[in-house]
Amino acid sequence: EDMVQDFDLDIKVAVMGCAVNGPGEAREADIGIAG
């Protein structure tokens, strides 16, 4: 959340807590990371 303040982009970023549901939950985001 702090890092993205540096970028002038109109996109949605997802940050997910597990690799099991991450891809599905992040499907509506443009880009995401899951742990």
All heavy atoms as atom14 arrays in JSON, in Angstrom:
{
  "sequence": "EDMVQDFDLDIKVAVMGCAVNGPGEAREADIGIAG",
  "atom14_mask": [
    [1, 1, 1, 1, 1, 1, 1, 1, 1, 0, 0, 0, 0, 0],
    [1, 1, 1, 1, 1, 1, 1, 1, 0, 0, 0, 0, 0, 0],
    [1, 1, 1, 1, 1, 1, 1, 1, 0, 0, 0, 0, 0, 0],
    [1, 1, 1, 1, 1, 1, 1, 0, 0, 0, 0, 0, 0, 0],
    [1, 1, 1, 1, 1, 1, 1, 1, 1, 0, 0, 0, 0, 0],
    [1, 1, 1, 1, 1, 1, 1, 1, 0, 0, 0, 0, 0, 0],
    [1, 1, 1, 1, 1, 1, 1, 1, 1, 1, 1, 0, 0, 0],
    [1, 1, 1, 1, 1, 1, 1, 1, 0, 0, 0, 0, 0, 0],
    [1, 1, 1, 1, 1, 1, 1, 1, 0, 0, 0, 0, 0, 0],
    [1, 1, 1, 1, 1, 1, 1, 1, 0, 0, 0, 0, 0, 0],
    [1, 1, 1, 1, 1, 1, 1, 1, 0, 0, 0, 0, 0, 0],
    [1, 1, 1, 1, 1, 1, 1, 1, 1, 0, 0, 0, 0, 0],
    [1, 1, 1, 1, 1, 1, 1, 0, 0, 0, 0, 0, 0, 0],
    [1, 1, 1, 1, 1, 0, 0, 0, 0, 0, 0, 0, 0, 0],
    [1, 1, 1, 1, 1, 1, 1, 0, 0, 0, 0, 0, 0, 0],
    [1, 1, 1, 1, 1, 1, 1, 1, 0, 0, 0, 0, 0, 0],
    [1, 1, 1, 1, 0, 0, 0, 0, 0, 0, 0, 0, 0, 0],
    [1, 1, 1, 1, 1, 1, 0, 0, 0, 0, 0, 0, 0, 0],
    [1, 1, 1, 1, 1, 0, 0, 0, 0, 0, 0, 0, 0, 0],
    [1, 1, 1, 1, 1, 1, 1, 0, 0, 0, 0, 0, 0, 0],
    [1, 1, 1, 1, 1, 1, 1, 1, 0, 0, 0, 0, 0, 0],
    [1, 1, 1, 1, 0, 0, 0, 0, 0, 0, 0, 0, 0, 0],
    [1, 1, 1, 1, 1, 1, 1, 0, 0, 0, 0, 0, 0, 0],
    [1, 1, 1, 1, 0, 0, 0, 0, 0, 0, 0, 0, 0, 0],
    [1, 1, 1, 1, 1, 1, 1, 1, 1, 0, 0, 0, 0, 0],
    [1, 1, 1, 1, 1, 0, 0, 0, 0, 0, 0, 0, 0, 0],
    [1, 1, 1, 1, 1, 1, 1, 1, 1, 1, 1, 0, 0, 0],
    [1, 1, 1, 1, 1, 1, 1, 1, 1, 0, 0, 0, 0, 0],
    [1, 1, 1, 1, 1, 0, 0, 0, 0, 0, 0, 0, 0, 0],
    [1, 1, 1, 1, 1, 1, 1, 1, 0, 0, 0, 0, 0, 0],
    [1, 1, 1, 1, 1, 1, 1, 1, 0, 0, 0, 0, 0, 0],
    [1, 1, 1, 1, 0, 0, 0, 0, 0, 0, 0, 0, 0, 0],
    [1, 1, 1, 1, 1, 1, 1, 1, 0, 0, 0, 0, 0, 0],
    [1, 1, 1, 1, 1, 0, 0, 0, 0, 0, 0, 0, 0, 0],
    [1, 1, 1, 1, 0, 0, 0, 0, 0, 0, 0, 0, 0, 0]
  ],
  "atom14_positions": [
    [[0.83, -1.21, 0.0], [0.0, 0.0, 0.0], [0.86, 1.25, 0.0], [0.53, 2.25, -0.66], [-0.93, -0.02, 1.2], [-2.06, 0.99, 1.1], [-3.15, 0.72, 2.11], [-2.84, 0.73, 3.33], [-4.3, 0.51, 1.71], [0.0, 0.0, 0.0], [0.0, 0.0, 0.0], [0.0, 0.0, 0.0], [0.0, 0.0, 0.0], [0.0, 0.0, 0.0]],
    [[1.96, 1.21, 0.73], [2.88, 2.36, 0.76], [3.62, 2.49, -0.56], [3.77, 3.59, -1.1], [3.86, 2.19, 1.92], [4.8, 3.38, 2.05], [4.3, 4.51, 2.28], [6.03, 3.2, 1.93], [0.0, 0.0, 0.0], [0.0, 0.0, 0.0], [0.0, 0.0, 0.0], [0.0, 0.0, 0.0], [0.0, 0.0, 0.0], [0.0, 0.0, 0.0]],
    [[4.06, 1.37, -1.12], [4.85, 1.38, -2.34], [4.08, 1.92, -3.53], [4.61, 2.68, -4.35], [5.35, -0.03, -2.65], [6.2, -0.14, -3.89], [6.64, -1.86, -4.27], [5.05, -2.52, -4.82], [0.0, 0.0, 0.0], [0.0, 0.0, 0.0], [0.0, 0.0, 0.0], [0.0, 0.0, 0.0], [0.0, 0.0, 0.0], [0.0, 0.0, 0.0]],
    [[2.82, 1.54, -3.66], [2.06, 1.91, -4.86], [1.77, 3.4, -4.95], [1.37, 3.89, -6.02], [0.73, 1.12, -4.95], [1.0, -0.37, -5.02], [-0.2, 1.46, -3.79], [0.0, 0.0, 0.0], [0.0, 0.0, 0.0], [0.0, 0.0, 0.0], [0.0, 0.0, 0.0], [0.0, 0.0, 0.0], [0.0, 0.0, 0.0], [0.0, 0.0, 0.0]],
    [[2.0, 4.14, -3.86], [1.8, 5.59, -3.92], [2.75, 6.24, -4.92], [2.52, 7.36, -5.39], [2.02, 6.21, -2.53], [1.12, 5.67, -1.44], [-0.36, 5.86, -1.72], [-0.77, 6.89, -2.23], [-1.15, 4.84, -1.41], [0.0, 0.0, 0.0], [0.0, 0.0, 0.0], [0.0, 0.0, 0.0], [0.0, 0.0, 0.0], [0.0, 0.0, 0.0]],
    [[3.83, 5.52, -5.26], [4.83, 6.06, -6.19], [4.43, 5.91, -7.65], [5.12, 6.41, -8.54], [6.18, 5.37, -5.97], [6.75, 5.59, -4.58], [6.4, 6.62, -3.97], [7.53, 4.74, -4.11], [0.0, 0.0, 0.0], [0.0, 0.0, 0.0], [0.0, 0.0, 0.0], [0.0, 0.0, 0.0], [0.0, 0.0, 0.0], [0.0, 0.0, 0.0]],
    [[3.33, 5.19, -7.92], [2.99, 4.86, -9.3], [1.69, 5.52, -9.75], [0.68, 5.43, -9.04], [2.88, 3.34, -9.47], [4.18, 2.61, -9.22], [4.47, 2.1, -7.96], [5.09, 2.45, -10.25], [5.66, 1.45, -7.73], [6.29, 1.79, -10.03], [6.59, 1.29, -8.77], [0.0, 0.0, 0.0], [0.0, 0.0, 0.0], [0.0, 0.0, 0.0]],
    [[1.73, 6.15, -10.9], [0.55, 6.8, -11.48], [-0.09, 5.83, -12.47], [-0.03, 6.01, -13.69], [0.95, 8.1, -12.17], [-0.25, 8.88, -12.67], [-1.36, 8.63, -12.17], [-0.08, 9.72, -13.57], [0.0, 0.0, 0.0], [0.0, 0.0, 0.0], [0.0, 0.0, 0.0], [0.0, 0.0, 0.0], [0.0, 0.0, 0.0], [0.0, 0.0, 0.0]],
    [[-0.68, 4.77, -11.93], [-1.31, 3.74, -12.75], [-2.76, 3.55, -12.3], [-3.05, 3.63, -11.11], [-0.57, 2.4, -12.59], [0.91, 2.36, -13.03], [1.54, 1.05, -12.59], [1.02, 2.54, -14.54], [0.0, 0.0, 0.0], [0.0, 0.0, 0.0], [0.0, 0.0, 0.0], [0.0, 0.0, 0.0], [0.0, 0.0, 0.0], [0.0, 0.0, 0.0]],
    [[-3.63, 3.3, -13.24], [-5.03, 3.05, -12.92], [-5.28, 1.55, -12.96], [-5.86, 1.01, -13.9], [-5.93, 3.78, -13.92], [-7.4, 3.69, -13.54], [-7.7, 3.24, -12.41], [-8.24, 4.05, -14.37], [0.0, 0.0, 0.0], [0.0, 0.0, 0.0], [0.0, 0.0, 0.0], [0.0, 0.0, 0.0], [0.0, 0.0, 0.0], [0.0, 0.0, 0.0]],
    [[-4.78, 0.84, -11.94], [-4.89, -0.61, -11.9], [-5.24, -1.08, -10.49], [-5.12, -0.32, -9.53], [-3.6, -1.31, -12.37], [-2.43, -0.95, -11.44], [-3.28, -0.97, -13.8], [-1.17, -1.74, -11.74], [0.0, 0.0, 0.0], [0.0, 0.0, 0.0], [0.0, 0.0, 0.0], [0.0, 0.0, 0.0], [0.0, 0.0, 0.0], [0.0, 0.0, 0.0]],
    [[-5.64, -2.35, -10.38], [-5.93, -2.95, -9.09], [-4.88, -4.0, -8.77], [-4.58, -4.86, -9.6], [-7.32, -3.57, -9.08], [-7.72, -4.21, -7.75], [-9.07, -4.91, -7.82], [-10.19, -3.91, -7.92], [-11.53, -4.59, -7.86], [0.0, 0.0, 0.0], [0.0, 0.0, 0.0], [0.0, 0.0, 0.0], [0.0, 0.0, 0.0], [0.0, 0.0, 0.0]],
    [[-4.32, -3.91, -7.57], [-3.3, -4.85, -7.11], [-3.86, -5.66, -5.95], [-4.41, -5.1, -5.0], [-2.03, -4.1, -6.66], [-1.01, -5.07, -6.05], [-1.4, -3.35, -7.82], [0.0, 0.0, 0.0], [0.0, 0.0, 0.0], [0.0, 0.0, 0.0], [0.0, 0.0, 0.0], [0.0, 0.0, 0.0], [0.0, 0.0, 0.0], [0.0, 0.0, 0.0]],
    [[-3.71, -6.97, -6.01], [-4.19, -7.86, -4.95], [-3.01, -8.4, -4.15], [-1.97, -8.75, -4.72], [-4.99, -9.01, -5.54], [0.0, 0.0, 0.0], [0.0, 0.0, 0.0], [0.0, 0.0, 0.0], [0.0, 0.0, 0.0], [0.0, 0.0, 0.0], [0.0, 0.0, 0.0], [0.0, 0.0, 0.0], [0.0, 0.0, 0.0], [0.0, 0.0, 0.0]],
    [[-3.19, -8.47, -2.84], [-2.19, -9.06, -1.95], [-2.9, -10.16, -1.16], [-3.75, -9.87, -0.32], [-1.57, -8.03, -0.99], [-0.46, -8.65, -0.16], [-1.05, -6.82, -1.76], [0.0, 0.0, 0.0], [0.0, 0.0, 0.0], [0.0, 0.0, 0.0], [0.0, 0.0, 0.0], [0.0, 0.0, 0.0], [0.0, 0.0, 0.0], [0.0, 0.0, 0.0]],
    [[-2.54, -11.41, -1.45], [-3.25, -12.55, -0.86], [-2.33, -13.35, 0.06], [-1.12, -13.4, -0.14], [-3.82, -13.44, -1.97], [-4.83, -12.73, -2.85], [-6.28, -12.19, -1.91], [-6.95, -10.93, -2.99], [0.0, 0.0, 0.0], [0.0, 0.0, 0.0], [0.0, 0.0, 0.0], [0.0, 0.0, 0.0], [0.0, 0.0, 0.0], [0.0, 0.0, 0.0]],
    [[-2.95, -14.0, 1.02], [-2.18, -14.66, 2.06], [-1.77, -16.08, 1.81], [-0.93, -16.62, 2.52], [0.0, 0.0, 0.0], [0.0, 0.0, 0.0], [0.0, 0.0, 0.0], [0.0, 0.0, 0.0], [0.0, 0.0, 0.0], [0.0, 0.0, 0.0], [0.0, 0.0, 0.0], [0.0, 0.0, 0.0], [0.0, 0.0, 0.0], [0.0, 0.0, 0.0]],
    [[-2.37, -16.74, 0.81], [-1.99, -18.13, 0.55], [-2.09, -18.43, -0.93], [-2.84, -17.79, -1.66], [-2.83, -19.11, 1.37], [-4.52, -19.32, 0.77], [0.0, 0.0, 0.0], [0.0, 0.0, 0.0], [0.0, 0.0, 0.0], [0.0, 0.0, 0.0], [0.0, 0.0, 0.0], [0.0, 0.0, 0.0], [0.0, 0.0, 0.0], [0.0, 0.0, 0.0]],
    [[-1.34, -19.45, -1.34], [-1.32, -19.82, -2.76], [-2.51, -20.69, -3.14], [-2.73, -20.96, -4.31], [-0.02, -20.55, -3.07], [0.0, 0.0, 0.0], [0.0, 0.0, 0.0], [0.0, 0.0, 0.0], [0.0, 0.0, 0.0], [0.0, 0.0, 0.0], [0.0, 0.0, 0.0], [0.0, 0.0, 0.0], [0.0, 0.0, 0.0], [0.0, 0.0, 0.0]],
    [[-3.29, -21.13, -2.16], [-4.44, -21.99, -2.45], [-5.57, -21.18, -3.1], [-6.05, -21.51, -4.18], [-4.94, -22.67, -1.15], [-6.21, -23.46, -1.44], [-3.86, -23.57, -0.58], [0.0, 0.0, 0.0], [0.0, 0.0, 0.0], [0.0, 0.0, 0.0], [0.0, 0.0, 0.0], [0.0, 0.0, 0.0], [0.0, 0.0, 0.0], [0.0, 0.0, 0.0]],
    [[-5.99, -20.11, -2.41], [-7.1, -19.31, -2.92], [-6.65, -18.03, -3.62], [-7.46, -17.33, -4.21], [-8.04, -18.91, -1.77], [-8.8, -20.11, -1.23], [-8.99, -21.08, -1.94], [-9.22, -20.05, 0.02], [0.0, 0.0, 0.0], [0.0, 0.0, 0.0], [0.0, 0.0, 0.0], [0.0, 0.0, 0.0], [0.0, 0.0, 0.0], [0.0, 0.0, 0.0]],
    [[-5.35, -17.74, -3.54], [-4.84, -16.49, -4.11], [-5.25, -16.22, -5.53], [-5.83, -15.17, -5.85], [0.0, 0.0, 0.0], [0.0, 0.0, 0.0], [0.0, 0.0, 0.0], [0.0, 0.0, 0.0], [0.0, 0.0, 0.0], [0.0, 0.0, 0.0], [0.0, 0.0, 0.0], [0.0, 0.0, 0.0], [0.0, 0.0, 0.0], [0.0, 0.0, 0.0]],
    [[-4.98, -17.17, -6.47], [-5.32, -16.9, -7.88], [-6.8, -16.62, -8.09], [-7.16, -15.72, -8.84], [-4.89, -18.2, -8.57], [-3.82, -18.76, -7.69], [-4.25, -18.43, -6.29], [0.0, 0.0, 0.0], [0.0, 0.0, 0.0], [0.0, 0.0, 0.0], [0.0, 0.0, 0.0], [0.0, 0.0, 0.0], [0.0, 0.0, 0.0], [0.0, 0.0, 0.0]],
    [[-7.65, -17.37, -7.42], [-9.08, -17.15, -7.6], [-9.53, -15.82, -7.04], [-10.28, -15.08, -7.66], [0.0, 0.0, 0.0], [0.0, 0.0, 0.0], [0.0, 0.0, 0.0], [0.0, 0.0, 0.0], [0.0, 0.0, 0.0], [0.0, 0.0, 0.0], [0.0, 0.0, 0.0], [0.0, 0.0, 0.0], [0.0, 0.0, 0.0], [0.0, 0.0, 0.0]],
    [[-9.07, -15.5, -5.83], [-9.47, -14.26, -5.17], [-8.9, -13.04, -5.88], [-9.46, -11.95, -5.8], [-9.01, -14.29, -3.71], [-9.75, -15.34, -2.88], [-9.2, -15.45, -1.47], [-8.14, -14.86, -1.21], [-9.81, -16.14, -0.64], [0.0, 0.0, 0.0], [0.0, 0.0, 0.0], [0.0, 0.0, 0.0], [0.0, 0.0, 0.0], [0.0, 0.0, 0.0]],
    [[-7.77, -13.23, -6.57], [-7.12, -12.1, -7.25], [-7.55, -11.98, -8.71], [-7.01, -11.14, -9.43], [-5.61, -12.25, -7.16], [0.0, 0.0, 0.0], [0.0, 0.0, 0.0], [0.0, 0.0, 0.0], [0.0, 0.0, 0.0], [0.0, 0.0, 0.0], [0.0, 0.0, 0.0], [0.0, 0.0, 0.0], [0.0, 0.0, 0.0], [0.0, 0.0, 0.0]],
    [[-8.51, -12.8, -9.13], [-8.86, -12.85, -10.56], [-9.32, -11.5, -11.1], [-9.07, -11.18, -12.26], [-9.94, -13.92, -10.79], [-10.27, -14.12, -12.27], [-11.06, -15.39, -12.52], [-10.18, -16.56, -12.41], [-10.33, -17.53, -11.51], [-11.32, -17.47, -10.64], [-9.5, -18.56, -11.49], [0.0, 0.0, 0.0], [0.0, 0.0, 0.0], [0.0, 0.0, 0.0]],
    [[-10.0, -10.72, -10.27], [-10.51, -9.44, -10.75], [-9.47, -8.33, -10.7], [-9.7, -7.23, -11.19], [-11.74, -9.02, -9.93], [-12.93, -9.95, -10.11], [-14.15, -9.48, -9.35], [-14.07, -8.4, -8.72], [-15.17, -10.17, -9.39], [0.0, 0.0, 0.0], [0.0, 0.0, 0.0], [0.0, 0.0, 0.0], [0.0, 0.0, 0.0], [0.0, 0.0, 0.0]],
    [[-8.31, -8.63, -10.11], [-7.23, -7.65, -10.04], [-6.39, -7.73, -11.31], [-6.34, -8.76, -11.99], [-6.37, -7.88, -8.82], [0.0, 0.0, 0.0], [0.0, 0.0, 0.0], [0.0, 0.0, 0.0], [0.0, 0.0, 0.0], [0.0, 0.0, 0.0], [0.0, 0.0, 0.0], [0.0, 0.0, 0.0], [0.0, 0.0, 0.0], [0.0, 0.0, 0.0]],
    [[-5.7, -6.63, -11.63], [-4.81, -6.63, -12.79], [-3.55, -7.44, -12.51], [-3.01, -8.11, -13.39], [-4.44, -5.19, -13.16], [-5.66, -4.39, -13.58], [-6.14, -4.6, -14.71], [-6.15, -3.58, -12.78], [0.0, 0.0, 0.0], [0.0, 0.0, 0.0], [0.0, 0.0, 0.0], [0.0, 0.0, 0.0], [0.0, 0.0, 0.0], [0.0, 0.0, 0.0]],
    [[-3.09, -7.35, -11.26], [-1.89, -8.06, -10.87], [-1.97, -8.34, -9.37], [-2.63, -7.61, -8.64], [-0.61, -7.24, -11.21], [0.65, -8.08, -11.0], [-0.57, -5.94, -10.41], [1.9, -7.42, -11.58], [0.0, 0.0, 0.0], [0.0, 0.0, 0.0], [0.0, 0.0, 0.0], [0.0, 0.0, 0.0], [0.0, 0.0, 0.0], [0.0, 0.0, 0.0]],
    [[-1.31, -9.4, -8.93], [-1.37, -9.71, -7.51], [-0.24, -10.61, -7.08], [0.44, -11.22, -7.92], [0.0, 0.0, 0.0], [0.0, 0.0, 0.0], [0.0, 0.0, 0.0], [0.0, 0.0, 0.0], [0.0, 0.0, 0.0], [0.0, 0.0, 0.0], [0.0, 0.0, 0.0], [0.0, 0.0, 0.0], [0.0, 0.0, 0.0], [0.0, 0.0, 0.0]],
    [[-0.03, -10.68, -5.78], [0.93, -11.61, -5.22], [0.23, -12.4, -4.13], [-0.67, -11.9, -3.46], [2.18, -10.9, -4.64], [1.77, -9.77, -3.68], [3.06, -10.37, -5.76], [2.95, -9.06, -3.02], [0.0, 0.0, 0.0], [0.0, 0.0, 0.0], [0.0, 0.0, 0.0], [0.0, 0.0, 0.0], [0.0, 0.0, 0.0], [0.0, 0.0, 0.0]],
    [[0.63, -13.66, -3.98], [0.06, -14.51, -2.95], [1.17, -15.29, -2.29], [2.08, -15.78, -2.96], [-0.97, -15.47, -3.56], [0.0, 0.0, 0.0], [0.0, 0.0, 0.0], [0.0, 0.0, 0.0], [0.0, 0.0, 0.0], [0.0, 0.0, 0.0], [0.0, 0.0, 0.0], [0.0, 0.0, 0.0], [0.0, 0.0, 0.0], [0.0, 0.0, 0.0]],
    [[1.11, -15.4, -0.99], [2.17, -16.05, -0.24], [1.91, -17.52, 0.0], [0.76, -17.96, 0.11], [0.0, 0.0, 0.0], [0.0, 0.0, 0.0], [0.0, 0.0, 0.0], [0.0, 0.0, 0.0], [0.0, 0.0, 0.0], [0.0, 0.0, 0.0], [0.0, 0.0, 0.0], [0.0, 0.0, 0.0], [0.0, 0.0, 0.0], [0.0, 0.0, 0.0]]
  ]
}
